[in-house]
Amino acid sequence: MRPWTPQTLYDAKPWALIGIGVIMSIGMMLWSLSAGLWTVWRGLLCLAGAGLAIVGGATLQLRQDYRARSKWRRDAPP
């Protein structure tokens, strides 16, 4: 059984992934531009940042779709 997560933390996790991913990707690009060359590690960190942002966005979309189809949501009074 999974431990209970507070609603605010549950809602903030995808946004944190998106924020960290965007900061990592842009940071690595700016660092490489200022240094004048790409290294393997900067490229991998940029790719990892983009991956985090994609996972965060996909998580948000899946949660939105699930809540829209949820029986509890449909049965709730307006």
PDB file of N, CA and C in Angstrom:
ATOM      1  N   MET A   1       0.840  -1.176   0.000  1.00  0.00           N
ATOM      2  CA  MET A   1       0.000   0.000   0.000  1.00  0.00           C
ATOM      3  C   MET A   1       0.887   1.242   0.000  1.00  0.00           C
ATOM      4  N   ARG A   2       0.561   2.189  -0.877  1.00  0.00           N
ATOM      5  CA  ARG A   2       1.361   3.399  -0.994  1.00  0.00           C
ATOM      6  C   ARG A   2       1.038   4.363   0.136  1.00  0.00           C
ATOM      7  N   PRO A   3       2.047   5.059   0.646  1.00  0.00           N
ATOM      8  CA  PRO A   3       1.781   6.043   1.692  1.00  0.00           C
ATOM      9  C   PRO A   3       0.991   7.225   1.133  1.00  0.00           C
ATOM     10  N   TRP A   4       0.256   7.864   2.008  1.00  0.00           N
ATOM     11  CA  TRP A   4      -0.575   8.986   1.616  1.00  0.00           C
ATOM     12  C   TRP A   4       0.291  10.197   1.300  1.00  0.00           C
ATOM     13  N   THR A   5      -0.023  10.909   0.229  1.00  0.00           N
ATOM     14  CA  THR A   5       0.693  12.114  -0.168  1.00  0.00           C
ATOM     15  C   THR A   5      -0.262  13.295  -0.056  1.00  0.00           C
ATOM     16  N   PRO A   6       0.144  14.381   0.585  1.00  0.00           N
ATOM     17  CA  PRO A   6      -0.729  15.562   0.658  1.00  0.00           C
ATOM     18  C   PRO A   6      -1.072  16.068  -0.745  1.00  0.00           C
ATOM     19  N   GLN A   7      -2.273  16.603  -0.905  1.00  0.00           N
ATOM     20  CA  GLN A   7      -2.758  17.030  -2.217  1.00  0.00           C
ATOM     21  C   GLN A   7      -1.854  18.104  -2.838  1.00  0.00           C
ATOM     22  N   THR A   8      -1.359  19.033  -2.029  1.00  0.00           N
ATOM     23  CA  THR A   8      -0.512  20.088  -2.591  1.00  0.00           C
ATOM     24  C   THR A   8       0.787  19.524  -3.155  1.00  0.00           C
ATOM     25  N   LEU A   9       1.377  18.549  -2.475  1.00  0.00           N
ATOM     26  CA  LEU A   9       2.594  17.911  -2.974  1.00  0.00           C
ATOM     27  C   LEU A   9       2.289  17.094  -4.227  1.00  0.00           C
ATOM     28  N   TYR A  10       1.168  16.404  -4.235  1.00  0.00           N
ATOM     29  CA  TYR A  10       0.750  15.605  -5.389  1.00  0.00           C
ATOM     30  C   TYR A  10       0.571  16.498  -6.617  1.00  0.00           C
ATOM     31  N   ASP A  11      -0.041  17.666  -6.423  1.00  0.00           N
ATOM     32  CA  ASP A  11      -0.264  18.594  -7.535  1.00  0.00           C
ATOM     33  C   ASP A  11       1.023  19.285  -7.979  1.00  0.00           C
ATOM     34  N   ALA A  12       1.978  19.456  -7.080  1.00  0.00           N
ATOM     35  CA  ALA A  12       3.197  20.191  -7.395  1.00  0.00           C
ATOM     36  C   ALA A  12       4.264  19.335  -8.087  1.00  0.00           C
ATOM     37  N   LYS A  13       4.190  18.024  -7.957  1.00  0.00           N
ATOM     38  CA  LYS A  13       5.245  17.161  -8.512  1.00  0.00           C
ATOM     39  C   LYS A  13       5.437  17.325 -10.027  1.00  0.00           C
ATOM     40  N   PRO A  14       4.385  17.290 -10.846  1.00  0.00           N
ATOM     41  CA  PRO A  14       4.618  17.456 -12.291  1.00  0.00           C
ATOM     42  C   PRO A  14       5.184  18.830 -12.637  1.00  0.00           C
ATOM     43  N   TRP A  15       4.708  19.863 -11.943  1.00  0.00           N
ATOM     44  CA  TRP A  15       5.215  21.210 -12.211  1.00  0.00           C
ATOM     45  C   TRP A  15       6.677  21.320 -11.804  1.00  0.00           C
ATOM     46  N   ALA A  16       7.053  20.639 -10.738  1.00  0.00           N
ATOM     47  CA  ALA A  16       8.466  20.638 -10.328  1.00  0.00           C
ATOM     48  C   ALA A  16       9.322  19.945 -11.387  1.00  0.00           C
ATOM     49  N   LEU A  17       8.849  18.836 -11.935  1.00  0.00           N
ATOM     50  CA  LEU A  17       9.582  18.147 -12.997  1.00  0.00           C
ATOM     51  C   LEU A  17       9.744  19.045 -14.221  1.00  0.00           C
ATOM     52  N   ILE A  18       8.676  19.735 -14.593  1.00  0.00           N
ATOM     53  CA  ILE A  18       8.747  20.630 -15.746  1.00  0.00           C
ATOM     54  C   ILE A  18       9.748  21.754 -15.475  1.00  0.00           C
ATOM     55  N   GLY A  19       9.655  22.361 -14.304  1.00  0.00           N
ATOM     56  CA  GLY A  19      10.548  23.473 -13.970  1.00  0.00           C
ATOM     57  C   GLY A  19      12.007  23.060 -13.935  1.00  0.00           C
ATOM     58  N   ILE A  20      12.294  21.949 -13.269  1.00  0.00           N
ATOM     59  CA  ILE A  20      13.676  21.464 -13.186  1.00  0.00           C
ATOM     60  C   ILE A  20      14.191  21.089 -14.575  1.00  0.00           C
ATOM     61  N   GLY A  21      13.350  20.455 -15.363  1.00  0.00           N
ATOM     62  CA  GLY A  21      13.762  20.060 -16.713  1.00  0.00           C
ATOM     63  C   GLY A  21      14.057  21.252 -17.605  1.00  0.00           C
ATOM     64  N   VAL A  22      13.214  22.273 -17.549  1.00  0.00           N
ATOM     65  CA  VAL A  22      13.444  23.466 -18.369  1.00  0.00           C
ATOM     66  C   VAL A  22      14.711  24.182 -17.926  1.00  0.00           C
ATOM     67  N   ILE A  23      14.898  24.312 -16.618  1.00  0.00           N
ATOM     68  CA  ILE A  23      16.103  24.974 -16.107  1.00  0.00           C
ATOM     69  C   ILE A  23      17.363  24.206 -16.513  1.00  0.00           C
ATOM     70  N   MET A  24      17.308  22.878 -16.403  1.00  0.00           N
ATOM     71  CA  MET A  24      18.474  22.069 -16.798  1.00  0.00           C
ATOM     72  C   MET A  24      18.770  22.221 -18.284  1.00  0.00           C
ATOM     73  N   SER A  25      17.757  22.121 -19.120  1.00  0.00           N
ATOM     74  CA  SER A  25      17.972  22.184 -20.565  1.00  0.00           C
ATOM     75  C   SER A  25      18.499  23.547 -20.993  1.00  0.00           C
ATOM     76  N   ILE A  26      17.842  24.597 -20.550  1.00  0.00           N
ATOM     77  CA  ILE A  26      18.277  25.942 -20.930  1.00  0.00           C
ATOM     78  C   ILE A  26      19.650  26.250 -20.332  1.00  0.00           C
ATOM     79  N   GLY A  27      19.867  25.819 -19.091  1.00  0.00           N
ATOM     80  CA  GLY A  27      21.163  26.043 -18.464  1.00  0.00           C
ATOM     81  C   GLY A  27      22.298  25.377 -19.214  1.00  0.00           C
ATOM     82  N   MET A  28      22.087  24.140 -19.641  1.00  0.00           N
ATOM     83  CA  MET A  28      23.146  23.444 -20.374  1.00  0.00           C
ATOM     84  C   MET A  28      23.379  24.083 -21.739  1.00  0.00           C
ATOM     85  N   MET A  29      22.306  24.537 -22.386  1.00  0.00           N
ATOM     86  CA  MET A  29      22.473  25.211 -23.678  1.00  0.00           C
ATOM     87  C   MET A  29      23.249  26.516 -23.519  1.00  0.00           C
ATOM     88  N   LEU A  30      22.885  27.301 -22.519  1.00  0.00           N
ATOM     89  CA  LEU A  30      23.582  28.569 -22.300  1.00  0.00           C
ATOM     90  C   LEU A  30      25.039  28.331 -21.899  1.00  0.00           C
ATOM     91  N   TRP A  31      25.281  27.340 -21.069  1.00  0.00           N
ATOM     92  CA  TRP A  31      26.646  27.014 -20.655  1.00  0.00           C
ATOM     93  C   TRP A  31      27.485  26.603 -21.867  1.00  0.00           C
ATOM     94  N   SER A  32      26.911  25.785 -22.734  1.00  0.00           N
ATOM     95  CA  SER A  32      27.637  25.348 -23.924  1.00  0.00           C
ATOM     96  C   SER A  32      27.870  26.505 -24.892  1.00  0.00           C
ATOM     97  N   LEU A  33      26.889  27.384 -25.020  1.00  0.00           N
ATOM     98  CA  LEU A  33      27.088  28.547 -25.889  1.00  0.00           C
ATOM     99  C   LEU A  33      28.175  29.464 -25.354  1.00  0.00           C
ATOM    100  N   SER A  34      28.192  29.655 -24.037  1.00  0.00           N
ATOM    101  CA  SER A  34      29.213  30.536 -23.465  1.00  0.00           C
ATOM    102  C   SER A  34      30.603  29.901 -23.528  1.00  0.00           C
ATOM    103  N   ALA A  35      30.673  28.582 -23.399  1.00  0.00           N
ATOM    104  CA  ALA A  35      31.958  27.888 -23.467  1.00  0.00           C
ATOM    105  C   ALA A  35      32.426  27.716 -24.917  1.00  0.00           C
ATOM    106  N   GLY A  36      31.492  27.730 -25.844  1.00  0.00           N
ATOM    107  CA  GLY A  36      31.849  27.585 -27.251  1.00  0.00           C
ATOM    108  C   GLY A  36      31.900  26.156 -27.744  1.00  0.00           C
ATOM    109  N   LEU A  37      31.558  25.192 -26.909  1.00  0.00           N
ATOM    110  CA  LEU A  37      31.546  23.796 -27.354  1.00  0.00           C
ATOM    111  C   LEU A  37      30.600  22.972 -26.483  1.00  0.00           C
ATOM    112  N   TRP A  38      30.128  21.898 -27.090  1.00  0.00           N
ATOM    113  CA  TRP A  38      29.282  20.942 -26.373  1.00  0.00           C
ATOM    114  C   TRP A  38      30.170  19.825 -25.866  1.00  0.00           C
ATOM    115  N   THR A  39      29.938  19.410 -24.639  1.00  0.00           N
ATOM    116  CA  THR A  39      30.606  18.210 -24.143  1.00  0.00           C
ATOM    117  C   THR A  39      29.558  17.108 -24.045  1.00  0.00           C
ATOM    118  N   VAL A  40      30.025  15.908 -23.871  1.00  0.00           N
ATOM    119  CA  VAL A  40      29.098  14.776 -23.761  1.00  0.00           C
ATOM    120  C   VAL A  40      28.196  14.952 -22.544  1.00  0.00           C
ATOM    121  N   TRP A  41      28.771  15.384 -21.415  1.00  0.00           N
ATOM    122  CA  TRP A  41      27.983  15.523 -20.191  1.00  0.00           C
ATOM    123  C   TRP A  41      26.945  16.629 -20.311  1.00  0.00           C
ATOM    124  N   ARG A  42      27.308  17.735 -20.930  1.00  0.00           N
ATOM    125  CA  ARG A  42      26.320  18.806 -21.122  1.00  0.00           C
ATOM    126  C   ARG A  42      25.200  18.345 -22.036  1.00  0.00           C
ATOM    127  N   GLY A  43      25.544  17.618 -23.054  1.00  0.00           N
ATOM    128  CA  GLY A  43      24.518  17.084 -23.952  1.00  0.00           C
ATOM    129  C   GLY A  43      23.588  16.116 -23.239  1.00  0.00           C
ATOM    130  N   LEU A  44      24.169  15.246 -22.422  1.00  0.00           N
ATOM    131  CA  LEU A  44      23.335  14.286 -21.681  1.00  0.00           C
ATOM    132  C   LEU A  44      22.459  14.988 -20.653  1.00  0.00           C
ATOM    133  N   LEU A  45      23.005  16.000 -19.970  1.00  0.00           N
ATOM    134  CA  LEU A  45      22.201  16.740 -18.996  1.00  0.00           C
ATOM    135  C   LEU A  45      21.088  17.539 -19.673  1.00  0.00           C
ATOM    136  N   CYS A  46      21.371  18.077 -20.856  1.00  0.00           N
ATOM    137  CA  CYS A  46      20.332  18.779 -21.613  1.00  0.00           C
ATOM    138  C   CYS A  46      19.231  17.797 -22.019  1.00  0.00           C
ATOM    139  N   LEU A  47      19.622  16.624 -22.473  1.00  0.00           N
ATOM    140  CA  LEU A  47      18.658  15.591 -22.845  1.00  0.00           C
ATOM    141  C   LEU A  47      17.853  15.131 -21.623  1.00  0.00           C
ATOM    142  N   ALA A  48      18.515  14.969 -20.488  1.00  0.00           N
ATOM    143  CA  ALA A  48      17.816  14.569 -19.263  1.00  0.00           C
ATOM    144  C   ALA A  48      16.832  15.642 -18.829  1.00  0.00           C
ATOM    145  N   GLY A  49      17.214  16.912 -18.959  1.00  0.00           N
ATOM    146  CA  GLY A  49      16.303  18.002 -18.615  1.00  0.00           C
ATOM    147  C   GLY A  49      15.075  18.009 -19.506  1.00  0.00           C
ATOM    148  N   ALA A  50      15.289  17.811 -20.799  1.00  0.00           N
ATOM    149  CA  ALA A  50      14.154  17.743 -21.723  1.00  0.00           C
ATOM    150  C   ALA A  50      13.258  16.557 -21.383  1.00  0.00           C
ATOM    151  N   GLY A  51      13.873  15.443 -21.016  1.00  0.00           N
ATOM    152  CA  GLY A  51      13.092  14.263 -20.627  1.00  0.00           C
ATOM    153  C   GLY A  51      12.256  14.512 -19.382  1.00  0.00           C
ATOM    154  N   LEU A  52      12.835  15.199 -18.397  1.00  0.00           N
ATOM    155  CA  LEU A  52      12.071  15.520 -17.187  1.00  0.00           C
ATOM    156  C   LEU A  52      10.878  16.413 -17.511  1.00  0.00           C
ATOM    157  N   ALA A  53      11.095  17.400 -18.362  1.00  0.00           N
ATOM    158  CA  ALA A  53       9.999  18.292 -18.737  1.00  0.00           C
ATOM    159  C   ALA A  53       8.894  17.529 -19.481  1.00  0.00           C
ATOM    160  N   ILE A  54       9.281  16.615 -20.338  1.00  0.00           N
ATOM    161  CA  ILE A  54       8.296  15.819 -21.081  1.00  0.00           C
ATOM    162  C   ILE A  54       7.509  14.912 -20.139  1.00  0.00           C
ATOM    163  N   VAL A  55       8.200  14.273 -19.210  1.00  0.00           N
ATOM    164  CA  VAL A  55       7.516  13.394 -18.245  1.00  0.00           C
ATOM    165  C   VAL A  55       6.548  14.202 -17.375  1.00  0.00           C
ATOM    166  N   GLY A  56       6.964  15.375 -16.934  1.00  0.00           N
ATOM    167  CA  GLY A  56       6.081  16.229 -16.144  1.00  0.00           C
ATOM    168  C   GLY A  56       4.846  16.651 -16.921  1.00  0.00           C
ATOM    169  N   GLY A  57       5.029  17.040 -18.180  1.00  0.00           N
ATOM    170  CA  GLY A  57       3.886  17.425 -19.013  1.00  0.00           C
ATOM    171  C   GLY A  57       2.956  16.262 -19.293  1.00  0.00           C
ATOM    172  N   ALA A  58       3.522  15.094 -19.553  1.00  0.00           N
ATOM    173  CA  ALA A  58       2.692  13.912 -19.799  1.00  0.00           C
ATOM    174  C   ALA A  58       1.913  13.525 -18.544  1.00  0.00           C
ATOM    175  N   THR A  59       2.552  13.665 -17.381  1.00  0.00           N
ATOM    176  CA  THR A  59       1.863  13.361 -16.124  1.00  0.00           C
ATOM    177  C   THR A  59       0.680  14.290 -15.916  1.00  0.00           C
ATOM    178  N   LEU A  60       0.878  15.575 -16.179  1.00  0.00           N
ATOM    179  CA  LEU A  60      -0.229  16.526 -16.056  1.00  0.00           C
ATOM    180  C   LEU A  60      -1.378  16.164 -16.987  1.00  0.00           C
ATOM    181  N   GLN A  61      -1.046  15.833 -18.242  1.00  0.00           N
ATOM    182  CA  GLN A  61      -2.086  15.499 -19.213  1.00  0.00           C
ATOM    183  C   GLN A  61      -2.826  14.221 -18.831  1.00  0.00           C
ATOM    184  N   LEU A  62      -2.102  13.207 -18.374  1.00  0.00           N
ATOM    185  CA  LEU A  62      -2.754  11.959 -17.976  1.00  0.00           C
ATOM    186  C   LEU A  62      -3.670  12.169 -16.778  1.00  0.00           C
ATOM    187  N   ARG A  63      -3.232  12.975 -15.824  1.00  0.00           N
ATOM    188  CA  ARG A  63      -4.085  13.254 -14.666  1.00  0.00           C
ATOM    189  C   ARG A  63      -5.336  13.999 -15.084  1.00  0.00           C
ATOM    190  N   GLN A  64      -5.193  14.955 -16.002  1.00  0.00           N
ATOM    191  CA  GLN A  64      -6.351  15.712 -16.463  1.00  0.00           C
ATOM    192  C   GLN A  64      -7.337  14.801 -17.186  1.00  0.00           C
ATOM    193  N   ASP A  65      -6.835  13.938 -18.051  1.00  0.00           N
ATOM    194  CA  ASP A  65      -7.704  13.000 -18.770  1.00  0.00           C
ATOM    195  C   ASP A  65      -8.393  12.041 -17.809  1.00  0.00           C
ATOM    196  N   TYR A  66      -7.655  11.539 -16.825  1.00  0.00           N
ATOM    197  CA  TYR A  66      -8.223  10.596 -15.869  1.00  0.00           C
ATOM    198  C   TYR A  66      -9.333  11.257 -15.056  1.00  0.00           C
ATOM    199  N   ARG A  67      -9.086  12.466 -14.605  1.00  0.00           N
ATOM    200  CA  ARG A  67     -10.098  13.168 -13.809  1.00  0.00           C
ATOM    201  C   ARG A  67     -11.337  13.485 -14.628  1.00  0.00           C
ATOM    202  N   ALA A  68     -11.175  13.764 -15.898  1.00  0.00           N
ATOM    203  CA  ALA A  68     -12.323  14.057 -16.759  1.00  0.00           C
ATOM    204  C   ALA A  68     -13.187  12.809 -16.960  1.00  0.00           C
ATOM    205  N   ARG A  69     -12.567  11.630 -16.988  1.00  0.00           N
ATOM    206  CA  ARG A  69     -13.314  10.379 -17.187  1.00  0.00           C
ATOM    207  C   ARG A  69     -13.757   9.727 -15.891  1.00  0.00           C
ATOM    208  N   SER A  70     -13.312  10.250 -14.780  1.00  0.00           N
ATOM    209  CA  SER A  70     -13.547   9.606 -13.496  1.00  0.00           C
ATOM    210  C   SER A  70     -15.031   9.572 -13.138  1.00  0.00           C
ATOM    211  N   LYS A  71     -15.493   8.457 -12.623  1.00  0.00           N
ATOM    212  CA  LYS A  71     -16.876   8.314 -12.190  1.00  0.00           C
ATOM    213  C   LYS A  71     -17.174   9.286 -11.054  1.00  0.00           C
ATOM    214  N   TRP A  72     -16.231   9.472 -10.154  1.00  0.00           N
ATOM    215  CA  TRP A  72     -16.440  10.380  -9.023  1.00  0.00           C
ATOM    216  C   TRP A  72     -16.647  11.797  -9.505  1.00  0.00           C
ATOM    217  N   ARG A  73     -15.944  12.175 -10.536  1.00  0.00           N
ATOM    218  CA  ARG A  73     -16.074  13.530 -11.082  1.00  0.00           C
ATOM    219  C   ARG A  73     -17.433  13.707 -11.749  1.00  0.00           C
ATOM    220  N   ARG A  74     -17.895  12.683 -12.472  1.00  0.00           N
ATOM    221  CA  ARG A  74     -19.170  12.775 -13.175  1.00  0.00           C
ATOM    222  C   ARG A  74     -20.337  12.798 -12.216  1.00  0.00           C
ATOM    223  N   ASP A  75     -20.234  12.056 -11.116  1.00  0.00           N
ATOM    224  CA  ASP A  75     -21.342  11.967 -10.173  1.00  0.00           C
ATOM    225  C   ASP A  75     -21.410  13.137  -9.204  1.00  0.00           C
ATOM    226  N   ALA A  76     -20.362  13.961  -9.170  1.00  0.00           N
ATOM    227  CA  ALA A  76     -20.348  15.090  -8.221  1.00  0.00           C
ATOM    228  C   ALA A  76     -21.353  16.148  -8.649  1.00  0.00           C
ATOM    229  N   PRO A  77     -22.009  16.779  -7.688  1.00  0.00           N
ATOM    230  CA  PRO A  77     -22.950  17.844  -8.047  1.00  0.00           C
ATOM    231  C   PRO A  77     -22.201  19.046  -8.626  1.00  0.00           C
ATOM    232  N   PRO A  78     -22.831  19.775  -9.536  1.00  0.00           N
ATOM    233  CA  PRO A  78     -22.140  20.908 -10.179  1.00  0.00           C
ATOM    234  C   PRO A  78     -21.819  22.031  -9.254  1.00  0.00           C
TER     235      PRO A  78
END
